[in-house]
Amino acid sequence: MTLEEIQVKLEAAIENSTVTMEGDGCNCSTLVVSPVFEGMSLLARQKMVLAAVRSDIDSGALHALSIKARTPSEVS
């Protein structure tokens, strides 16, 4: 699985998001920035991001994903 494929999945699953990827296809990190995270706990944000790629993790196509999920105001 490529970084671009993961990025497309995350951007499609999380409304109004900007996704930045680093790493290689099976072990990577992501920064997901979206206003939908406003008022959500860090755990709830991570669960939302993981839900978008759960099938890829379960199948082994994606081995590890380090997640940073932020609102736009948290990155400016």
C-alpha atoms as a PDB file:
ATOM      1  CA  MET A   1       0.000   0.000   0.000  1.00  0.00           C
ATOM      2  CA  THR A   2       1.441   3.360  -1.009  1.00  0.00           C
ATOM      3  CA  LEU A   3       1.438   6.556   1.013  1.00  0.00           C
ATOM      4  CA  GLU A   4      -0.744   8.122  -1.676  1.00  0.00           C
ATOM      5  CA  GLU A   5      -3.351   5.359  -1.316  1.00  0.00           C
ATOM      6  CA  ILE A   6      -3.479   5.865   2.438  1.00  0.00           C
ATOM      7  CA  GLN A   7      -3.731   9.628   1.999  1.00  0.00           C
ATOM      8  CA  VAL A   8      -6.640   9.305  -0.440  1.00  0.00           C
ATOM      9  CA  LYS A   9      -8.489   6.969   1.943  1.00  0.00           C
ATOM     10  CA  LEU A  10      -8.047   9.293   4.891  1.00  0.00           C
ATOM     11  CA  GLU A  11      -9.050  12.410   2.960  1.00  0.00           C
ATOM     12  CA  ALA A  12     -12.171  10.637   1.679  1.00  0.00           C
ATOM     13  CA  ALA A  13     -13.141   9.387   5.142  1.00  0.00           C
ATOM     14  CA  ILE A  14     -12.533  12.549   7.162  1.00  0.00           C
ATOM     15  CA  GLU A  15     -14.481  15.581   6.051  1.00  0.00           C
ATOM     16  CA  ASN A  16     -12.560  18.733   5.065  1.00  0.00           C
ATOM     17  CA  SER A  17      -9.235  17.120   5.915  1.00  0.00           C
ATOM     18  CA  THR A  18      -5.699  17.796   4.824  1.00  0.00           C
ATOM     19  CA  VAL A  19      -3.495  14.726   5.167  1.00  0.00           C
ATOM     20  CA  THR A  20       0.296  14.642   5.212  1.00  0.00           C
ATOM     21  CA  MET A  21       2.074  11.280   5.044  1.00  0.00           C
ATOM     22  CA  GLU A  22       5.635  10.202   5.886  1.00  0.00           C
ATOM     23  CA  GLY A  23       7.422   6.852   5.938  1.00  0.00           C
ATOM     24  CA  ASP A  24       7.049   3.811   3.721  1.00  0.00           C
ATOM     25  CA  GLY A  25       3.960   1.960   2.584  1.00  0.00           C
ATOM     26  CA  CYS A  26       3.587  -0.431   5.513  1.00  0.00           C
ATOM     27  CA  ASN A  27       4.978   1.622   8.425  1.00  0.00           C
ATOM     28  CA  CYS A  28       4.139   5.281   8.242  1.00  0.00           C
ATOM     29  CA  SER A  29       2.965   8.360  10.070  1.00  0.00           C
ATOM     30  CA  THR A  30       0.252  10.830   9.253  1.00  0.00           C
ATOM     31  CA  LEU A  31      -0.843  14.286  10.232  1.00  0.00           C
ATOM     32  CA  VAL A  32      -4.559  14.746   9.648  1.00  0.00           C
ATOM     33  CA  VAL A  33      -5.903  18.277  10.005  1.00  0.00           C
ATOM     34  CA  SER A  34      -9.669  18.777   9.985  1.00  0.00           C
ATOM     35  CA  PRO A  35     -12.245  21.009  11.651  1.00  0.00           C
ATOM     36  CA  VAL A  36     -14.334  17.905  12.440  1.00  0.00           C
ATOM     37  CA  PHE A  37     -11.883  17.157  15.269  1.00  0.00           C
ATOM     38  CA  GLU A  38     -12.994  20.286  17.144  1.00  0.00           C
ATOM     39  CA  GLY A  39     -14.194  19.309  20.628  1.00  0.00           C
ATOM     40  CA  MET A  40     -13.105  15.674  20.245  1.00  0.00           C
ATOM     41  CA  SER A  41     -10.653  13.970  22.593  1.00  0.00           C
ATOM     42  CA  LEU A  42      -7.311  12.805  21.191  1.00  0.00           C
ATOM     43  CA  LEU A  43      -8.469   9.200  21.547  1.00  0.00           C
ATOM     44  CA  ALA A  44     -11.695   9.857  19.617  1.00  0.00           C
ATOM     45  CA  ARG A  45      -9.702  11.555  16.863  1.00  0.00           C
ATOM     46  CA  GLN A  46      -7.312   8.607  16.582  1.00  0.00           C
ATOM     47  CA  LYS A  47     -10.204   6.146  16.500  1.00  0.00           C
ATOM     48  CA  MET A  48     -11.782   8.095  13.637  1.00  0.00           C
ATOM     49  CA  VAL A  49      -8.551   8.008  11.642  1.00  0.00           C
ATOM     50  CA  LEU A  50      -7.945   4.318  12.387  1.00  0.00           C
ATOM     51  CA  ALA A  51     -11.496   3.422  11.323  1.00  0.00           C
ATOM     52  CA  ALA A  52     -10.687   4.716   7.839  1.00  0.00           C
ATOM     53  CA  VAL A  53      -7.817   2.231   7.413  1.00  0.00           C
ATOM     54  CA  ARG A  54      -8.951  -0.601   9.710  1.00  0.00           C
ATOM     55  CA  SER A  55      -9.468  -3.060   6.833  1.00  0.00           C
ATOM     56  CA  ASP A  56      -5.935  -2.391   5.570  1.00  0.00           C
ATOM     57  CA  ILE A  57      -4.478  -2.971   9.033  1.00  0.00           C
ATOM     58  CA  ASP A  58      -6.526  -6.143   9.488  1.00  0.00           C
ATOM     59  CA  SER A  59      -5.411  -7.491   6.102  1.00  0.00           C
ATOM     60  CA  GLY A  60      -1.751  -6.711   6.796  1.00  0.00           C
ATOM     61  CA  ALA A  61      -1.452  -4.264   3.897  1.00  0.00           C
ATOM     62  CA  LEU A  62      -0.708  -1.562   6.468  1.00  0.00           C
ATOM     63  CA  HIS A  63       1.380  -2.672   9.435  1.00  0.00           C
ATOM     64  CA  ALA A  64       1.628   0.482  11.515  1.00  0.00           C
ATOM     65  CA  LEU A  65       0.319   4.005  11.385  1.00  0.00           C
ATOM     66  CA  SER A  66       1.416   6.737  13.746  1.00  0.00           C
ATOM     67  CA  ILE A  67      -1.343   9.344  13.961  1.00  0.00           C
ATOM     68  CA  LYS A  68      -1.440  13.033  14.764  1.00  0.00           C
ATOM     69  CA  ALA A  69      -4.952  14.429  14.397  1.00  0.00           C
ATOM     70  CA  ARG A  70      -5.322  18.180  14.807  1.00  0.00           C
ATOM     71  CA  THR A  71      -7.798  20.969  14.210  1.00  0.00           C
ATOM     72  CA  PRO A  72      -6.713  23.815  11.920  1.00  0.00           C
ATOM     73  CA  SER A  73      -6.253  26.124  14.919  1.00  0.00           C
ATOM     74  CA  GLU A  74      -3.865  23.620  16.533  1.00  0.00           C
ATOM     75  CA  VAL A  75      -1.437  23.730  13.605  1.00  0.00           C
ATOM     76  CA  SER A  76      -1.402  27.445  12.896  1.00  0.00           C
END
